[in-house]
Protein backbone atom coordinates (compact mmCIF):
# COMPACT_ATOMS: atom_id res chain seq x y z
CA UNK A 1 83.04 295.33 244.90
CA UNK A 2 83.57 298.58 242.96
CA UNK A 3 80.58 300.74 242.05
CA UNK A 4 78.29 297.99 243.31
CA UNK A 5 75.51 297.81 245.87
CA UNK A 6 77.34 295.17 247.88
CA UNK A 7 74.43 294.35 250.19
CA UNK A 8 72.11 293.88 247.24
CA UNK A 9 74.69 291.83 245.36
CA UNK A 10 75.06 289.39 248.23
CA UNK A 11 71.33 288.71 248.05
CA UNK A 12 71.14 288.69 244.24
CA UNK A 13 74.57 287.79 242.83
CA UNK A 14 75.48 287.71 239.14
CA UNK A 15 78.60 285.82 238.11
CA UNK A 16 80.63 285.53 234.93
CA UNK A 17 82.99 282.56 234.74
CA UNK A 18 84.18 282.52 231.13
CA UNK A 19 84.50 284.54 227.96
CA UNK A 20 85.03 283.69 224.33
CA UNK A 21 84.57 285.87 221.29
CA UNK A 22 81.68 288.29 221.81
CA UNK A 23 80.17 286.24 224.63
CA UNK A 24 80.48 285.69 228.34
CA UNK A 25 79.42 282.49 230.05
CA UNK A 26 77.98 282.05 233.52
CA UNK A 27 78.82 279.24 235.98
CA UNK A 28 75.55 277.62 234.87
CA UNK A 29 76.72 277.57 231.26
CA UNK A 30 74.49 280.39 229.93
CA UNK A 31 75.90 282.40 227.01
CA UNK A 32 75.59 286.17 227.44
CA UNK A 33 76.36 288.58 224.59
CA UNK A 34 78.82 291.21 225.80
CA UNK A 35 77.04 294.42 224.86
CA UNK A 36 79.58 296.69 226.58
CA UNK A 37 82.86 295.08 225.48
CA UNK A 38 83.61 294.20 229.08
CA UNK A 39 83.75 297.67 230.56
CA UNK A 40 84.41 299.51 227.28
CA UNK A 41 87.71 297.63 226.96
CA UNK A 42 87.39 294.28 225.12
CA UNK A 43 86.56 295.45 221.61
CA UNK A 44 88.43 292.55 220.02
CA UNK A 45 86.37 290.05 221.97
CA UNK A 46 87.47 287.58 224.63
CA UNK A 47 89.98 284.76 224.61
CA UNK A 48 92.08 285.98 221.68
CA UNK A 49 94.79 283.37 221.36
CA UNK A 50 97.24 285.88 219.89
CA UNK A 51 97.21 287.85 223.15
CA UNK A 52 97.19 284.72 225.31
CA UNK A 53 100.25 283.37 223.52
CA UNK A 54 102.12 286.68 223.64
CA UNK A 55 101.54 286.99 227.38
CA UNK A 56 102.59 283.39 227.98
CA UNK A 57 105.84 283.85 226.06
CA UNK A 58 106.63 287.07 227.88
CA UNK A 59 105.97 285.60 231.33
CA UNK A 60 108.38 282.78 230.52
CA UNK A 61 111.05 285.22 229.30
CA UNK A 62 110.65 288.11 231.76
CA UNK A 63 107.71 288.22 234.16
CA UNK A 64 108.69 291.50 235.86
CA UNK A 65 111.51 293.98 235.93
CA UNK A 66 111.79 297.32 237.76
CA UNK A 67 111.28 300.47 235.74
CA UNK A 68 113.19 302.70 238.16
CA UNK A 69 116.67 303.25 236.66
CA UNK A 70 116.41 300.04 234.63
CA UNK A 71 114.76 299.82 231.23
CA UNK A 72 112.81 297.02 229.58
CA UNK A 73 113.18 296.86 225.78
CA UNK A 74 109.57 295.84 225.30
CA UNK A 75 108.34 299.02 227.02
CA UNK A 76 110.33 301.16 224.58
CA UNK A 77 109.01 299.07 221.70
CA UNK A 78 105.44 299.70 222.82
CA UNK A 79 106.06 303.41 223.31
CA UNK A 80 107.38 303.63 219.77
CA UNK A 81 104.31 301.82 218.41
CA UNK A 82 102.00 304.24 220.20
CA UNK A 83 103.98 307.20 218.86
CA UNK A 84 103.49 305.88 215.33
CA UNK A 85 99.69 305.84 215.57
CA UNK A 86 99.17 308.90 217.78
CA UNK A 87 98.24 312.31 216.37
CA UNK A 88 101.10 314.43 215.13
CA UNK A 89 103.63 315.67 217.70
CA UNK A 90 102.29 313.44 220.48
CA UNK A 91 105.59 311.64 220.75
CA UNK A 92 106.36 310.73 224.36
CA UNK A 93 104.74 308.03 226.49
CA UNK A 94 104.50 307.50 230.24
CA UNK A 95 103.04 304.13 231.29
CA UNK A 96 100.51 303.65 234.08
CA UNK A 97 98.27 300.79 235.21
CA UNK A 98 94.78 302.17 234.68
CA UNK A 99 92.72 305.04 233.36
CA UNK A 100 92.53 306.52 236.84
CA UNK A 101 96.31 306.58 237.07
CA UNK A 102 96.54 308.05 233.58
CA UNK A 103 94.24 310.89 234.63
CA UNK A 104 96.25 311.73 237.74
CA UNK A 105 99.53 311.41 235.83
CA UNK A 106 98.38 313.85 233.16
CA UNK A 107 97.19 316.36 235.74
CA UNK A 108 100.46 316.22 237.65
CA UNK A 109 102.33 316.49 234.36
CA UNK A 110 100.35 319.59 233.39
CA UNK A 111 100.96 321.38 236.68
CA UNK A 112 104.64 320.46 236.69
CA UNK A 113 105.00 321.61 233.07
CA UNK A 114 103.98 325.15 233.94
CA UNK A 115 106.49 325.19 236.80
CA UNK A 116 109.16 324.20 234.29
CA UNK A 117 107.99 327.11 232.15
CA UNK A 118 108.36 329.58 235.02
CA UNK A 119 104.63 329.89 235.73
CA UNK A 120 104.12 328.04 239.05
CA UNK A 121 100.80 329.79 239.67
CA UNK A 122 99.10 327.77 236.94
CA UNK A 123 97.64 325.03 239.14
CA UNK A 124 93.85 325.17 238.69
CA UNK A 125 92.29 322.35 236.68
CA UNK A 126 89.11 322.54 234.61
CA UNK A 127 86.92 319.48 234.11
CA UNK A 128 83.38 319.15 232.81
CA UNK A 129 80.03 318.33 234.35
CA UNK A 130 79.09 314.66 233.85
CA UNK A 131 82.67 313.86 232.95
CA UNK A 132 84.52 310.85 234.33
CA UNK A 133 88.26 310.62 234.83
CA UNK A 134 88.65 307.71 237.19
CA UNK A 135 88.57 307.53 240.95
CA UNK A 136 91.96 308.75 242.18
CA UNK A 137 92.12 312.13 243.87
CA UNK A 138 92.87 314.17 240.76
CA UNK A 139 90.41 312.34 238.54
CA UNK A 140 87.70 312.62 241.18
CA UNK A 141 88.37 316.36 241.43
CA UNK A 142 88.00 317.09 237.72
CA UNK A 143 85.22 314.52 237.29
CA UNK A 144 81.71 315.86 237.06
CA UNK A 145 79.45 313.04 238.28
CA UNK A 146 78.08 314.14 241.63
CA UNK A 147 77.60 310.68 243.07
CA UNK A 148 81.30 309.97 242.59
CA UNK A 149 82.35 313.10 244.51
CA UNK A 150 79.97 313.85 247.36
CA UNK A 151 81.22 311.19 249.79
CA UNK A 152 84.82 312.41 249.70
CA UNK A 153 84.50 316.12 250.37
CA UNK A 154 86.72 318.82 248.95
CA UNK A 155 89.52 317.59 246.67
CA UNK A 156 91.80 319.58 244.36
CA UNK A 157 91.35 323.17 243.18
CA UNK A 158 89.07 322.67 240.17
CA UNK A 159 86.21 324.22 238.25
CA UNK A 160 83.93 322.71 235.60
CA UNK A 161 82.50 323.49 232.21
CA UNK A 162 78.86 322.65 231.62
CA UNK A 163 78.06 319.33 229.99
CA UNK A 164 76.78 319.32 226.42
CA UNK A 165 73.59 317.35 227.03
CA UNK A 166 70.89 319.64 225.64
CA UNK A 167 67.16 318.94 225.33
CA UNK A 168 67.05 320.32 221.81
CA UNK A 169 69.57 317.65 220.78
CA UNK A 170 67.47 314.72 222.02
CA UNK A 171 67.48 311.73 219.65
CA UNK A 172 70.31 313.15 217.55
CA UNK A 173 72.13 310.73 215.31
CA UNK A 174 75.86 311.13 215.87
CA UNK A 175 77.21 314.58 216.68
CA UNK A 176 74.34 316.95 217.53
CA UNK A 177 73.93 320.28 215.78
CA UNK A 178 73.36 322.51 218.81
CA UNK A 179 75.74 323.54 221.57
CA UNK A 180 79.09 324.51 220.09
CA UNK A 181 78.78 327.78 222.02
CA UNK A 182 79.05 325.85 225.29
CA UNK A 183 82.80 325.71 224.68
CA UNK A 184 82.82 329.48 225.13
CA UNK A 185 82.17 328.94 228.84
CA UNK A 186 85.92 328.53 229.07
CA UNK A 187 86.17 332.25 228.36
CA UNK A 188 84.05 332.90 231.46
CA UNK A 189 86.21 330.62 233.59
CA UNK A 190 89.33 332.37 232.34
CA UNK A 191 87.75 335.70 233.23
CA UNK A 192 86.93 334.37 236.69
CA UNK A 193 90.21 332.63 237.54
CA UNK A 194 92.64 334.23 235.04
CA UNK A 195 94.65 332.11 232.66
CA UNK A 196 97.76 332.68 234.80
CA UNK A 197 96.19 330.33 237.35
CA UNK A 198 94.83 327.60 235.04
CA UNK A 199 97.01 324.63 234.14
CA UNK A 200 94.77 322.44 232.01
CA UNK A 201 91.33 321.58 230.72
CA UNK A 202 90.51 317.86 230.68
CA UNK A 203 87.56 316.38 228.79
CA UNK A 204 86.50 313.09 227.28
CA UNK A 205 85.93 313.43 223.52
CA UNK A 206 82.59 311.86 224.34
CA UNK A 207 81.55 311.13 227.90
CA UNK A 208 81.25 307.39 228.49
CA UNK A 209 80.23 306.75 232.08
CA UNK A 210 78.14 309.92 232.06
CA UNK A 211 75.91 308.31 229.44
CA UNK A 212 77.56 308.57 226.01
CA UNK A 213 77.25 312.35 225.88
CA UNK A 214 78.37 313.26 222.37
CA UNK A 215 80.08 316.60 221.63
CA UNK A 216 78.20 319.07 219.43
CA UNK A 217 79.62 319.67 215.99
CA UNK A 218 82.66 321.93 216.26
CA UNK A 219 82.73 321.89 220.07
CA UNK A 220 86.10 320.19 220.56
CA UNK A 221 87.78 322.34 217.90
CA UNK A 222 86.45 325.45 219.59
CA UNK A 223 87.77 324.23 222.95
CA UNK A 224 91.16 323.65 221.33
CA UNK A 225 91.20 327.19 219.94
CA UNK A 226 90.39 328.70 223.33
CA UNK A 227 93.00 326.66 225.19
CA UNK A 228 95.62 327.72 222.67
CA UNK A 229 94.57 331.37 222.91
CA UNK A 230 94.82 331.44 226.70
CA UNK A 231 97.89 329.25 227.13
CA UNK A 232 96.08 326.36 228.81
CA UNK A 233 96.91 322.70 228.13
CA UNK A 234 94.14 320.54 226.66
CA UNK A 235 93.95 316.93 227.85
CA UNK A 236 91.78 314.35 226.09
CA UNK A 237 90.78 311.46 228.30
CA UNK A 238 90.58 308.71 225.68
CA UNK A 239 90.43 305.80 228.11
CA UNK A 240 87.08 304.80 226.57
CA UNK A 241 87.36 306.40 223.13
CA UNK A 242 90.88 305.21 222.31
CA UNK A 243 91.60 302.24 220.04
CA UNK A 244 88.65 302.10 217.73
CA UNK A 245 85.44 303.04 219.49
CA UNK A 246 84.91 306.01 217.15
CA UNK A 247 86.35 304.33 214.05
CA UNK A 248 89.91 305.63 214.37
CA UNK A 249 92.79 304.82 216.68
CA UNK A 250 91.92 307.94 218.68
CA UNK A 251 88.84 310.11 218.86
CA UNK A 252 91.20 313.06 218.44
CA UNK A 253 91.64 311.84 214.88
CA UNK A 254 87.94 311.22 214.36
CA UNK A 255 87.11 314.75 215.50
CA UNK A 256 90.20 316.28 213.84
CA UNK A 257 91.31 317.96 217.06
CA UNK A 258 94.75 317.43 218.59
CA UNK A 259 95.16 317.90 222.35
CA UNK A 260 98.41 318.41 224.23
CA UNK A 261 98.06 315.18 226.20
CA UNK A 262 96.08 311.98 225.64
CA UNK A 263 95.17 309.54 228.41
CA UNK A 264 94.77 305.87 227.54
CA UNK A 265 93.94 302.50 229.13
CA UNK A 266 91.20 299.85 228.54
CA UNK A 267 91.57 299.04 224.82
CA UNK A 268 95.35 299.33 225.04
CA UNK A 269 95.49 295.66 226.06
CA UNK A 270 91.94 294.72 225.05
CA UNK A 271 91.23 294.58 228.77
CA UNK A 272 93.46 291.55 229.26
CA UNK A 273 96.03 293.15 231.55
CA UNK A 274 95.82 296.33 233.67
CA UNK A 275 97.66 299.03 231.78
CA UNK A 276 97.36 302.70 230.92
CA UNK A 277 99.45 305.33 229.19
CA UNK A 278 99.80 309.08 228.89
CA UNK A 279 101.04 310.48 225.59
CA UNK A 280 102.39 314.04 225.64
CA UNK A 281 103.51 316.50 223.01
CA UNK A 282 107.22 316.96 222.42
CA UNK A 283 107.13 320.47 223.95
CA UNK A 284 105.95 319.06 227.27
CA UNK A 285 108.63 316.38 227.32
CA UNK A 286 111.29 318.92 226.41
CA UNK A 287 110.34 321.19 229.30
CA UNK A 288 111.28 318.44 231.75
CA UNK A 289 114.42 317.34 229.94
CA UNK A 290 115.79 320.88 229.59
CA UNK A 291 115.77 321.73 233.29
CA UNK A 292 119.03 322.99 234.73
CA UNK A 293 119.65 319.89 236.82
CA UNK A 294 122.52 317.46 237.26
CA UNK A 295 122.32 314.76 234.61
CA UNK A 296 121.65 312.09 237.26
CA UNK A 297 118.68 314.00 238.73
CA UNK A 298 115.11 312.73 238.30
CA UNK A 299 113.27 315.06 235.91
CA UNK A 300 109.71 313.81 236.60
CA UNK A 301 109.44 312.31 240.11
CA UNK A 302 106.40 310.18 239.42
CA UNK A 303 105.63 306.58 238.52
CA UNK A 304 104.37 303.21 239.65
CA UNK A 305 105.81 299.83 240.59
CA UNK A 306 104.14 298.37 237.51
CA UNK A 307 104.78 301.20 235.02
CA UNK A 308 105.68 299.57 231.72
CA UNK A 309 105.16 296.08 233.14
CA UNK A 310 106.70 293.71 230.56
CA UNK A 311 103.73 291.33 230.53
CA UNK A 312 101.32 294.23 230.08
CA UNK A 313 103.50 295.52 227.24
CA UNK A 314 103.36 292.14 225.53
CA UNK A 315 99.57 292.13 225.79
CA UNK A 316 99.44 295.67 224.37
CA UNK A 317 101.72 294.89 221.44
CA UNK A 318 99.69 291.81 220.54
CA UNK A 319 96.53 293.92 220.80
CA UNK A 320 97.91 296.60 218.50
CA UNK A 321 98.84 293.88 216.01
CA UNK A 322 95.26 292.60 216.06
CA UNK A 323 93.83 296.06 215.45
CA UNK A 324 95.89 296.06 212.26
CA UNK A 325 95.35 292.49 211.05
CA UNK A 326 91.62 292.58 211.85
CA UNK A 327 91.33 295.99 210.16
CA UNK A 328 89.41 296.95 213.26
CA UNK A 329 88.98 300.66 212.68
CA UNK A 330 87.59 300.17 209.19
CA UNK A 331 85.22 297.52 210.52
CA UNK A 332 83.92 299.91 213.18
CA UNK A 333 83.29 302.56 210.54
CA UNK A 334 81.37 300.02 208.45
CA UNK A 335 79.31 298.69 211.36
CA UNK A 336 78.55 302.04 213.04
CA UNK A 337 75.71 303.09 210.66
CA UNK A 338 73.95 299.75 211.25
CA UNK A 339 74.33 300.20 215.00
CA UNK A 340 73.00 303.76 214.72
CA UNK A 341 69.89 302.64 212.85
CA UNK A 342 69.28 299.82 215.28
CA UNK A 343 69.54 301.89 218.45
CA UNK A 344 67.33 304.69 217.10
CA UNK A 345 64.63 302.20 216.19
CA UNK A 346 63.95 301.98 219.93
CA UNK A 347 62.61 305.55 219.91
CA UNK A 348 59.02 305.59 221.12
CA UNK A 349 59.38 302.73 223.59
CA UNK A 350 58.10 303.43 227.10
CA UNK A 351 60.07 305.81 229.30
CA UNK A 352 62.89 306.54 226.77
CA UNK A 353 63.60 310.28 226.81
CA UNK A 354 66.73 310.34 224.64
CA UNK A 355 68.92 308.15 222.44
CA UNK A 356 72.55 309.07 221.72
CA UNK A 357 75.23 307.40 219.64
CA UNK A 358 78.70 307.83 218.16
CA UNK A 359 80.79 305.13 216.51
CA UNK A 360 80.04 301.83 218.23
CA UNK A 361 78.76 303.44 221.42
CA UNK A 362 75.29 304.49 222.43
CA UNK A 363 73.01 305.20 225.35
CA UNK A 364 69.30 305.11 226.11
CA UNK A 365 68.12 307.67 228.66
CA UNK A 366 65.08 306.92 230.78
CA UNK A 367 62.57 308.97 232.71
CA UNK A 368 62.79 308.49 236.48
CA UNK A 369 60.41 306.29 238.38
CA UNK A 370 59.16 308.58 241.10
CA UNK A 371 62.19 310.29 242.61
CA UNK A 372 64.63 307.55 241.61
CA UNK A 373 66.31 307.98 238.20
CA UNK A 374 68.47 304.85 238.54
CA UNK A 375 66.06 302.04 239.38
CA UNK A 376 64.54 301.55 235.92
CA UNK A 377 67.94 301.20 234.13
CA UNK A 378 69.11 298.83 236.84
CA UNK A 379 66.06 296.61 236.39
CA UNK A 380 66.58 296.63 232.62
CA UNK A 381 70.21 295.62 233.10
CA UNK A 382 69.23 292.67 235.32
CA UNK A 383 66.49 291.48 232.99
CA UNK A 384 68.74 291.77 229.94
CA UNK A 385 71.41 289.69 231.64
CA UNK A 386 68.85 287.01 232.43
CA UNK A 387 67.74 287.11 228.77
CA UNK A 388 71.29 286.67 227.49
CA UNK A 389 72.79 290.14 226.89
CA UNK A 390 75.03 292.24 229.10
CA UNK A 391 74.47 296.01 229.02
CA UNK A 392 75.54 298.68 231.50
CA UNK A 393 73.26 300.69 233.73
CA UNK A 394 74.71 304.05 234.71
CA UNK A 395 72.62 306.75 236.35
CA UNK A 396 69.48 307.21 234.26
CA UNK A 397 70.94 305.43 231.21
CA UNK A 398 71.54 302.07 229.64
CA UNK A 399 74.93 302.18 227.90
CA UNK A 400 76.04 300.08 224.94
CA UNK A 401 79.45 299.47 223.39
CA UNK A 402 79.37 296.14 221.54
CA UNK A 403 82.60 294.39 220.54
CA UNK A 404 84.13 295.41 217.24
CA UNK A 405 83.86 291.78 216.12
CA UNK A 406 80.06 291.81 216.46
CA UNK A 407 77.97 290.54 213.57
CA UNK A 408 74.83 292.35 212.45
CA UNK A 409 72.70 289.40 213.55
CA UNK A 410 74.14 289.72 217.06
CA UNK A 411 73.30 293.41 217.16
CA UNK A 412 69.77 292.57 216.01
CA UNK A 413 69.44 290.12 218.88
CA UNK A 414 70.82 292.65 221.34
CA UNK A 415 68.28 295.29 220.37
CA UNK A 416 65.40 292.82 220.13
CA UNK A 417 66.05 291.72 223.70
CA UNK A 418 66.43 295.33 224.83
CA UNK A 419 63.15 296.24 223.21
CA UNK A 420 61.29 293.37 224.85
CA UNK A 421 62.80 294.12 228.27
CA UNK A 422 62.06 297.85 228.08
CA UNK A 423 58.45 297.18 227.18
CA UNK A 424 58.14 294.73 230.07
CA UNK A 425 59.66 297.15 232.61
CA UNK A 426 57.24 299.43 234.44
C-alpha cells in the first residue's frame, strides 16, 4: 500500500467500501465525512451520476484507442476545454495519467525546450523545501520532503529554495504577511549555478502534502519576475490547487501569477479516473513544432499508453461541466471564510503550534511527542475516522480539504469532532 505502514495496517486495517456525496461508508455501514475530498481530488463529492453516465456511454462507444499516430476526438475536445479556462497564453495540452507523470512530463518538456532554443546546458531544476511533486524520478528530485527522498539516493541535478513556513506567520489567516523576500533566494541560486545552467523552477502555489504551506503575499509574483529576468521557466504544480480549491479554476488565477507550464491531475476527473495534464505556453509548443525536422519526425518523444484515454477524457469533460453547472468556484469563495473561522477556532487546543488555511484547505500543526513528530497526528487521524470523519495525517500536521459541496453544518461537525479528539489525545 502506498505511503502506508503496511505491517501496522495488517494489524489495524481501515477499509472504505462506498462513497456518496460528501461521505464514505465502511464495510460495517458507518458513514464517514470525507474531510480531505478523497486525496484532494473529489471536490464534487462521490457518486456523481453525471460522471458515471458519461463514463458508461464512452466505454460503450470507445473503451480505448492508441494515442500514438492516431487521434481520439474526445481528447482534442478536452484539450480545447482546458485551453478555454486556463490562464492567458497557456494553450497547449499534453495528457498524462497522474500528478507524478505530469511533474516528470513538465520537467522533461522544460529541459527539451532549452535544447530547442539552442541552450542545451540549461538542465538544472529548482524545487522547494517541503514541496511535493509526485514520486517518479523527476518529481522526487525536485520534491522537498526528506522522508520521500532519503531511501532512493541521488536523483536528478536539482537544488531547492527554502520553504515559506515562518514562525512569525503562525496562525495567519490566508496568505501571511511575512516572507516575500524568500523568493529572492532564487537570485542566490542563479549566482551559484548561473542561469545558463537552470532550466526551470517548479513550485506548488501552496504546498499540499507538506502541510498546506501558504505563500506569503507577493511571493509568487516575485518568483515570476525573477524567472522572467533570468530566462528560467516557471512551472506551477497545480495537481492539488487546480479546479477550485482556491476559489478559481487555477491558483495561478487566484494569485494573479501566470507560469509557463501548469501541471494538473486529481480534480481534473474529480478523482474518478486516473488522469493528468500539462498545459504549456504557446512559445514552448512552438519551439518543438518549429524544429528543422522531416514532417513525419516525432517532435516530442514522450508519452504514455494511456495518454488521453477516451474514458478518462469523458470523465474529465463531465467533471468540467459540473464545475460550471454547480457554480463550484463561486461556492468555494462563499464557503472559504466560514471554513477559515472554523479552523482558527481550534487555536489554543493542546499541542497545536500553528493553523494555516487558504480557500477550502487547511492544516493543523502539532508539537512532537518526544522525538516523534508524526505519532500525534496519526493518532488523531485514527480517532477521527472512528468518530465519523476522515482527515489526513502528514508529517506533523492534520490536513483538511473538505468537498466543495459541503454544508456549513457538516463543517461544524467536522471541527467539533476534531476538537474533541485533539483534547482527548495526549
